[in-house]
């Protein structure tokens, strides 16, 4: 996402989610 000063929010640093109901496959990704 663009910031007010023209930069961008860094990728793969901040996430949002609903409830953290992870599957076994999700564990590997995380």
ModelCIF file with pLDDT and N, C-alpha, C, O atoms, coordinates in Angstrom:
data_MODEL
#
_entry.id   MODEL 
#
_entity.id                         1 
_entity.type                       polymer 
_entity.pdbx_number_of_molecules   1 
#
_entity_poly.entity_id                      1 
_entity_poly.type                           'polypeptide(L)' 
_entity_poly.nstd_linkage                   no 
_entity_poly.nstd_monomer                   no 
_entity_poly.pdbx_seq_one_letter_code       
;(UNK)(UNK)(UNK)(UNK)(UNK)(UNK)(UNK)(UNK)(UNK)(UNK)(UNK)(UNK)(UNK)(UNK)(UNK)(UNK)
(UNK)(UNK)(UNK)(UNK)(UNK)(UNK)(UNK)(UNK)(UNK)(UNK)(UNK)(UNK)(UNK)(UNK)
;
_entity_poly.pdbx_seq_one_letter_code_can   XXXXXXXXXXXXXXXXXXXXXXXXXXXXXX 
_entity_poly.pdbx_strand_id                 A 
#
loop_
_entity_poly_seq.entity_id 
_entity_poly_seq.num 
_entity_poly_seq.mon_id 
_entity_poly_seq.hetero 
1 1  UNK n 
1 2  UNK n 
1 3  UNK n 
1 4  UNK n 
1 5  UNK n 
1 6  UNK n 
1 7  UNK n 
1 8  UNK n 
1 9  UNK n 
1 10 UNK n 
1 11 UNK n 
1 12 UNK n 
1 13 UNK n 
1 14 UNK n 
1 15 UNK n 
1 16 UNK n 
1 17 UNK n 
1 18 UNK n 
1 19 UNK n 
1 20 UNK n 
1 21 UNK n 
1 22 UNK n 
1 23 UNK n 
1 24 UNK n 
1 25 UNK n 
1 26 UNK n 
1 27 UNK n 
1 28 UNK n 
1 29 UNK n 
1 30 UNK n 
#
_struct_asym.id          A 
_struct_asym.entity_id   1 
#
loop_
_ma_qa_metric.id 
_ma_qa_metric.mode 
_ma_qa_metric.name 
_ma_qa_metric.software_group_id 
_ma_qa_metric.type 
1 global pLDDT . pLDDT 
2 local  pLDDT . pLDDT 
#
_ma_qa_metric_global.metric_id      1 
_ma_qa_metric_global.metric_value   92.97 
_ma_qa_metric_global.model_id       1 
_ma_qa_metric_global.ordinal_id     1 
#
loop_
_ma_qa_metric_local.label_asym_id 
_ma_qa_metric_local.label_comp_id 
_ma_qa_metric_local.label_seq_id 
_ma_qa_metric_local.metric_id 
_ma_qa_metric_local.metric_value 
_ma_qa_metric_local.model_id 
_ma_qa_metric_local.ordinal_id 
A UNK 1  2 91.00 1 1  
A UNK 2  2 93.00 1 2  
A UNK 3  2 93.00 1 3  
A UNK 4  2 95.00 1 4  
A UNK 5  2 96.00 1 5  
A UNK 6  2 95.00 1 6  
A UNK 7  2 95.00 1 7  
A UNK 8  2 92.00 1 8  
A UNK 9  2 91.00 1 9  
A UNK 10 2 92.00 1 10 
A UNK 11 2 95.00 1 11 
A UNK 12 2 95.00 1 12 
A UNK 13 2 96.00 1 13 
A UNK 14 2 96.00 1 14 
A UNK 15 2 97.00 1 15 
A UNK 16 2 95.00 1 16 
A UNK 17 2 94.00 1 17 
A UNK 18 2 88.00 1 18 
A UNK 19 2 84.00 1 19 
A UNK 20 2 88.00 1 20 
A UNK 21 2 87.00 1 21 
A UNK 22 2 91.00 1 22 
A UNK 23 2 91.00 1 23 
A UNK 24 2 91.00 1 24 
A UNK 25 2 94.00 1 25 
A UNK 26 2 95.00 1 26 
A UNK 27 2 94.00 1 27 
A UNK 28 2 95.00 1 28 
A UNK 29 2 95.00 1 29 
A UNK 30 2 95.00 1 30 
#
loop_
_atom_site.group_PDB 
_atom_site.id 
_atom_site.type_symbol 
_atom_site.label_atom_id 
_atom_site.label_alt_id 
_atom_site.label_comp_id 
_atom_site.label_asym_id 
_atom_site.label_entity_id 
_atom_site.label_seq_id 
_atom_site.pdbx_PDB_ins_code 
_atom_site.Cartn_x 
_atom_site.Cartn_y 
_atom_site.Cartn_z 
_atom_site.occupancy 
_atom_site.B_iso_or_equiv 
_atom_site.pdbx_formal_charge 
_atom_site.auth_seq_id 
_atom_site.auth_comp_id 
_atom_site.auth_asym_id 
_atom_site.auth_atom_id 
_atom_site.pdbx_PDB_model_num 
ATOM 1   N N  . UNK A 1 1  ? 0.841  -1.205  0.000  1.00 91.00 ? 1  UNK A N  1 
ATOM 2   C CA . UNK A 1 1  ? 0.000  0.000   0.000  1.00 91.00 ? 1  UNK A CA 1 
ATOM 3   C C  . UNK A 1 1  ? 0.872  1.249   0.000  1.00 91.00 ? 1  UNK A C  1 
ATOM 4   O O  . UNK A 1 1  ? 1.922  1.297   0.642  1.00 91.00 ? 1  UNK A O  1 
ATOM 5   N N  . UNK A 1 2  ? 0.410  2.264   -0.740 1.00 93.00 ? 2  UNK A N  1 
ATOM 6   C CA . UNK A 1 2  ? 1.140  3.538   -0.816 1.00 93.00 ? 2  UNK A CA 1 
ATOM 7   C C  . UNK A 1 2  ? 0.989  4.300   0.490  1.00 93.00 ? 2  UNK A C  1 
ATOM 8   O O  . UNK A 1 2  ? -0.079 4.292   1.103  1.00 93.00 ? 2  UNK A O  1 
ATOM 9   N N  . UNK A 1 3  ? 2.065  4.960   0.915  1.00 93.00 ? 3  UNK A N  1 
ATOM 10  C CA . UNK A 1 3  ? 2.029  5.810   2.103  1.00 93.00 ? 3  UNK A CA 1 
ATOM 11  C C  . UNK A 1 3  ? 1.844  7.262   1.670  1.00 93.00 ? 3  UNK A C  1 
ATOM 12  O O  . UNK A 1 3  ? 1.938  7.577   0.484  1.00 93.00 ? 3  UNK A O  1 
ATOM 13  N N  . UNK A 1 4  ? 1.585  8.130   2.620  1.00 95.00 ? 4  UNK A N  1 
ATOM 14  C CA . UNK A 1 4  ? 1.345  9.549   2.322  1.00 95.00 ? 4  UNK A CA 1 
ATOM 15  C C  . UNK A 1 4  ? 2.556  10.209  1.665  1.00 95.00 ? 4  UNK A C  1 
ATOM 16  O O  . UNK A 1 4  ? 2.402  11.153  0.890  1.00 95.00 ? 4  UNK A O  1 
ATOM 17  N N  . UNK A 1 5  ? 3.754  9.723   1.968  1.00 96.00 ? 5  UNK A N  1 
ATOM 18  C CA . UNK A 1 5  ? 4.961  10.343  1.400  1.00 96.00 ? 5  UNK A CA 1 
ATOM 19  C C  . UNK A 1 5  ? 5.458  9.645   0.129  1.00 96.00 ? 5  UNK A C  1 
ATOM 20  O O  . UNK A 1 5  ? 6.582  9.884   -0.310 1.00 96.00 ? 5  UNK A O  1 
ATOM 21  N N  . UNK A 1 6  ? 4.626  8.788   -0.458 1.00 95.00 ? 6  UNK A N  1 
ATOM 22  C CA . UNK A 1 6  ? 4.974  8.167   -1.735 1.00 95.00 ? 6  UNK A CA 1 
ATOM 23  C C  . UNK A 1 6  ? 5.717  6.852   -1.638 1.00 95.00 ? 6  UNK A C  1 
ATOM 24  O O  . UNK A 1 6  ? 5.986  6.221   -2.661 1.00 95.00 ? 6  UNK A O  1 
ATOM 25  N N  . UNK A 1 7  ? 6.053  6.425   -0.437 1.00 95.00 ? 7  UNK A N  1 
ATOM 26  C CA . UNK A 1 7  ? 6.708  5.120   -0.290 1.00 95.00 ? 7  UNK A CA 1 
ATOM 27  C C  . UNK A 1 7  ? 5.652  4.027   -0.262 1.00 95.00 ? 7  UNK A C  1 
ATOM 28  O O  . UNK A 1 7  ? 4.466  4.312   -0.431 1.00 95.00 ? 7  UNK A O  1 
ATOM 29  N N  . UNK A 1 8  ? 6.060  2.791   -0.052 1.00 92.00 ? 8  UNK A N  1 
ATOM 30  C CA . UNK A 1 8  ? 5.145  1.651   0.007  1.00 92.00 ? 8  UNK A CA 1 
ATOM 31  C C  . UNK A 1 8  ? 5.389  0.857   1.295  1.00 92.00 ? 8  UNK A C  1 
ATOM 32  O O  . UNK A 1 8  ? 6.520  0.746   1.769  1.00 92.00 ? 8  UNK A O  1 
ATOM 33  N N  . UNK A 1 9  ? 4.313  0.314   1.840  1.00 91.00 ? 9  UNK A N  1 
ATOM 34  C CA . UNK A 1 9  ? 4.424  -0.569  2.997  1.00 91.00 ? 9  UNK A CA 1 
ATOM 35  C C  . UNK A 1 9  ? 5.176  -1.818  2.552  1.00 91.00 ? 9  UNK A C  1 
ATOM 36  O O  . UNK A 1 9  ? 4.911  -2.358  1.479  1.00 91.00 ? 9  UNK A O  1 
ATOM 37  N N  . UNK A 1 10 ? 6.117  -2.276  3.380  1.00 92.00 ? 10 UNK A N  1 
ATOM 38  C CA . UNK A 1 10 ? 6.924  -3.444  3.035  1.00 92.00 ? 10 UNK A CA 1 
ATOM 39  C C  . UNK A 1 10 ? 6.079  -4.714  3.016  1.00 92.00 ? 10 UNK A C  1 
ATOM 40  O O  . UNK A 1 10 ? 5.188  -4.901  3.845  1.00 92.00 ? 10 UNK A O  1 
ATOM 41  N N  . UNK A 1 11 ? 6.379  -5.577  2.056  1.00 95.00 ? 11 UNK A N  1 
ATOM 42  C CA . UNK A 1 11 ? 5.693  -6.859  1.921  1.00 95.00 ? 11 UNK A CA 1 
ATOM 43  C C  . UNK A 1 11 ? 6.198  -7.844  2.961  1.00 95.00 ? 11 UNK A C  1 
ATOM 44  O O  . UNK A 1 11 ? 7.337  -7.756  3.422  1.00 95.00 ? 11 UNK A O  1 
ATOM 45  N N  . UNK A 1 12 ? 5.334  -8.780  3.323  1.00 95.00 ? 12 UNK A N  1 
ATOM 46  C CA . UNK A 1 12 ? 5.646  -9.921  4.183  1.00 95.00 ? 12 UNK A CA 1 
ATOM 47  C C  . UNK A 1 12 ? 6.151  -9.513  5.563  1.00 95.00 ? 12 UNK A C  1 
ATOM 48  O O  . UNK A 1 12 ? 6.968  -10.208 6.167  1.00 95.00 ? 12 UNK A O  1 
ATOM 49  N N  . UNK A 1 13 ? 5.645  -8.356  6.064  1.00 96.00 ? 13 UNK A N  1 
ATOM 50  C CA . UNK A 1 13 ? 6.007  -7.879  7.407  1.00 96.00 ? 13 UNK A CA 1 
ATOM 51  C C  . UNK A 1 13 ? 4.798  -7.794  8.325  1.00 96.00 ? 13 UNK A C  1 
ATOM 52  O O  . UNK A 1 13 ? 4.896  -8.120  9.509  1.00 96.00 ? 13 UNK A O  1 
ATOM 53  N N  . UNK A 1 14 ? 3.650  -7.358  7.792  1.00 96.00 ? 14 UNK A N  1 
ATOM 54  C CA . UNK A 1 14 ? 2.435  -7.190  8.595  1.00 96.00 ? 14 UNK A CA 1 
ATOM 55  C C  . UNK A 1 14 ? 1.271  -7.838  7.846  1.00 96.00 ? 14 UNK A C  1 
ATOM 56  O O  . UNK A 1 14 ? 1.047  -7.598  6.660  1.00 96.00 ? 14 UNK A O  1 
ATOM 57  N N  . UNK A 1 15 ? 0.542  -8.665  8.590  1.00 97.00 ? 15 UNK A N  1 
ATOM 58  C CA . UNK A 1 15 ? -0.607 -9.370  8.047  1.00 97.00 ? 15 UNK A CA 1 
ATOM 59  C C  . UNK A 1 15 ? -1.819 -9.081  8.930  1.00 97.00 ? 15 UNK A C  1 
ATOM 60  O O  . UNK A 1 15 ? -1.673 -8.701  10.092 1.00 97.00 ? 15 UNK A O  1 
ATOM 61  N N  . UNK A 1 16 ? -3.005 -9.261  8.375  1.00 95.00 ? 16 UNK A N  1 
ATOM 62  C CA . UNK A 1 16 ? -4.235 -9.210  9.160  1.00 95.00 ? 16 UNK A CA 1 
ATOM 63  C C  . UNK A 1 16 ? -4.977 -10.507 8.888  1.00 95.00 ? 16 UNK A C  1 
ATOM 64  O O  . UNK A 1 16 ? -4.784 -11.139 7.850  1.00 95.00 ? 16 UNK A O  1 
ATOM 65  N N  . UNK A 1 17 ? -5.819 -10.893 9.820  1.00 94.00 ? 17 UNK A N  1 
ATOM 66  C CA . UNK A 1 17 ? -6.515 -12.169 9.667  1.00 94.00 ? 17 UNK A CA 1 
ATOM 67  C C  . UNK A 1 17 ? -7.792 -12.188 10.484 1.00 94.00 ? 17 UNK A C  1 
ATOM 68  O O  . UNK A 1 17 ? -8.011 -11.352 11.361 1.00 94.00 ? 17 UNK A O  1 
ATOM 69  N N  . UNK A 1 18 ? -8.629 -13.168 10.169 1.00 88.00 ? 18 UNK A N  1 
ATOM 70  C CA . UNK A 1 18 ? -9.705 -13.517 11.075 1.00 88.00 ? 18 UNK A CA 1 
ATOM 71  C C  . UNK A 1 18 ? -9.095 -14.530 12.057 1.00 88.00 ? 18 UNK A C  1 
ATOM 72  O O  . UNK A 1 18 ? -7.875 -14.545 12.220 1.00 88.00 ? 18 UNK A O  1 
ATOM 73  N N  . UNK A 1 19 ? -9.882 -15.352 12.698 1.00 84.00 ? 19 UNK A N  1 
ATOM 74  C CA . UNK A 1 19 ? -9.362 -16.297 13.695 1.00 84.00 ? 19 UNK A CA 1 
ATOM 75  C C  . UNK A 1 19 ? -8.244 -17.152 13.110 1.00 84.00 ? 19 UNK A C  1 
ATOM 76  O O  . UNK A 1 19 ? -8.306 -17.565 11.952 1.00 84.00 ? 19 UNK A O  1 
ATOM 77  N N  . UNK A 1 20 ? -7.236 -17.410 13.910 1.00 88.00 ? 20 UNK A N  1 
ATOM 78  C CA . UNK A 1 20 ? -6.064 -18.160 13.449 1.00 88.00 ? 20 UNK A CA 1 
ATOM 79  C C  . UNK A 1 20 ? -6.301 -19.662 13.585 1.00 88.00 ? 20 UNK A C  1 
ATOM 80  O O  . UNK A 1 20 ? -5.774 -20.317 14.483 1.00 88.00 ? 20 UNK A O  1 
ATOM 81  N N  . UNK A 1 21 ? -7.107 -20.182 12.668 1.00 87.00 ? 21 UNK A N  1 
ATOM 82  C CA . UNK A 1 21 ? -7.427 -21.610 12.603 1.00 87.00 ? 21 UNK A CA 1 
ATOM 83  C C  . UNK A 1 21 ? -6.558 -22.214 11.507 1.00 87.00 ? 21 UNK A C  1 
ATOM 84  O O  . UNK A 1 21 ? -6.961 -22.249 10.344 1.00 87.00 ? 21 UNK A O  1 
ATOM 85  N N  . UNK A 1 22 ? -5.381 -22.684 11.866 1.00 91.00 ? 22 UNK A N  1 
ATOM 86  C CA . UNK A 1 22 ? -4.425 -23.169 10.877 1.00 91.00 ? 22 UNK A CA 1 
ATOM 87  C C  . UNK A 1 22 ? -4.568 -24.662 10.630 1.00 91.00 ? 22 UNK A C  1 
ATOM 88  O O  . UNK A 1 22 ? -4.841 -25.440 11.545 1.00 91.00 ? 22 UNK A O  1 
ATOM 89  N N  . UNK A 1 23 ? -4.377 -25.042 9.377  1.00 91.00 ? 23 UNK A N  1 
ATOM 90  C CA . UNK A 1 23 ? -4.296 -26.453 9.013  1.00 91.00 ? 23 UNK A CA 1 
ATOM 91  C C  . UNK A 1 23 ? -2.830 -26.881 9.111  1.00 91.00 ? 23 UNK A C  1 
ATOM 92  O O  . UNK A 1 23 ? -1.944 -26.050 9.310  1.00 91.00 ? 23 UNK A O  1 
ATOM 93  N N  . UNK A 1 24 ? -2.591 -28.174 8.971  1.00 91.00 ? 24 UNK A N  1 
ATOM 94  C CA . UNK A 1 24 ? -1.209 -28.655 8.981  1.00 91.00 ? 24 UNK A CA 1 
ATOM 95  C C  . UNK A 1 24 ? -0.402 -27.999 7.857  1.00 91.00 ? 24 UNK A C  1 
ATOM 96  O O  . UNK A 1 24 ? 0.754  -27.630 8.064  1.00 91.00 ? 24 UNK A O  1 
ATOM 97  N N  . UNK A 1 25 ? -1.001 -27.850 6.672  1.00 94.00 ? 25 UNK A N  1 
ATOM 98  C CA . UNK A 1 25 ? -0.302 -27.211 5.550  1.00 94.00 ? 25 UNK A CA 1 
ATOM 99  C C  . UNK A 1 25 ? 0.008  -25.747 5.846  1.00 94.00 ? 25 UNK A C  1 
ATOM 100 O O  . UNK A 1 25 ? 1.053  -25.238 5.440  1.00 94.00 ? 25 UNK A O  1 
ATOM 101 N N  . UNK A 1 26 ? -0.902 -25.066 6.556  1.00 95.00 ? 26 UNK A N  1 
ATOM 102 C CA . UNK A 1 26 ? -0.685 -23.658 6.907  1.00 95.00 ? 26 UNK A CA 1 
ATOM 103 C C  . UNK A 1 26 ? 0.550  -23.487 7.783  1.00 95.00 ? 26 UNK A C  1 
ATOM 104 O O  . UNK A 1 26 ? 1.273  -22.499 7.658  1.00 95.00 ? 26 UNK A O  1 
ATOM 105 N N  . UNK A 1 27 ? 0.791  -24.450 8.670  1.00 94.00 ? 27 UNK A N  1 
ATOM 106 C CA . UNK A 1 27 ? 1.946  -24.371 9.569  1.00 94.00 ? 27 UNK A CA 1 
ATOM 107 C C  . UNK A 1 27 ? 3.227  -24.240 8.748  1.00 94.00 ? 27 UNK A C  1 
ATOM 108 O O  . UNK A 1 27 ? 4.089  -23.425 9.078  1.00 94.00 ? 27 UNK A O  1 
ATOM 109 N N  . UNK A 1 28 ? 3.362  -25.025 7.693  1.00 95.00 ? 28 UNK A N  1 
ATOM 110 C CA . UNK A 1 28 ? 4.563  -24.977 6.849  1.00 95.00 ? 28 UNK A CA 1 
ATOM 111 C C  . UNK A 1 28 ? 4.708  -23.617 6.176  1.00 95.00 ? 28 UNK A C  1 
ATOM 112 O O  . UNK A 1 28 ? 5.809  -23.072 6.109  1.00 95.00 ? 28 UNK A O  1 
ATOM 113 N N  . UNK A 1 29 ? 3.602  -23.066 5.677  1.00 95.00 ? 29 UNK A N  1 
ATOM 114 C CA . UNK A 1 29 ? 3.641  -21.753 5.017  1.00 95.00 ? 29 UNK A CA 1 
ATOM 115 C C  . UNK A 1 29 ? 4.062  -20.683 6.017  1.00 95.00 ? 29 UNK A C  1 
ATOM 116 O O  . UNK A 1 29 ? 4.893  -19.831 5.703  1.00 95.00 ? 29 UNK A O  1 
ATOM 117 N N  . UNK A 1 30 ? 3.496  -20.723 7.213  1.00 95.00 ? 30 UNK A N  1 
ATOM 118 C CA . UNK A 1 30 ? 3.805  -19.701 8.217  1.00 95.00 ? 30 UNK A CA 1 
ATOM 119 C C  . UNK A 1 30 ? 5.230  -19.816 8.730  1.00 95.00 ? 30 UNK A C  1 
ATOM 120 O O  . UNK A 1 30 ? 5.646  -19.028 9.580  1.00 95.00 ? 30 UNK A O  1 
#
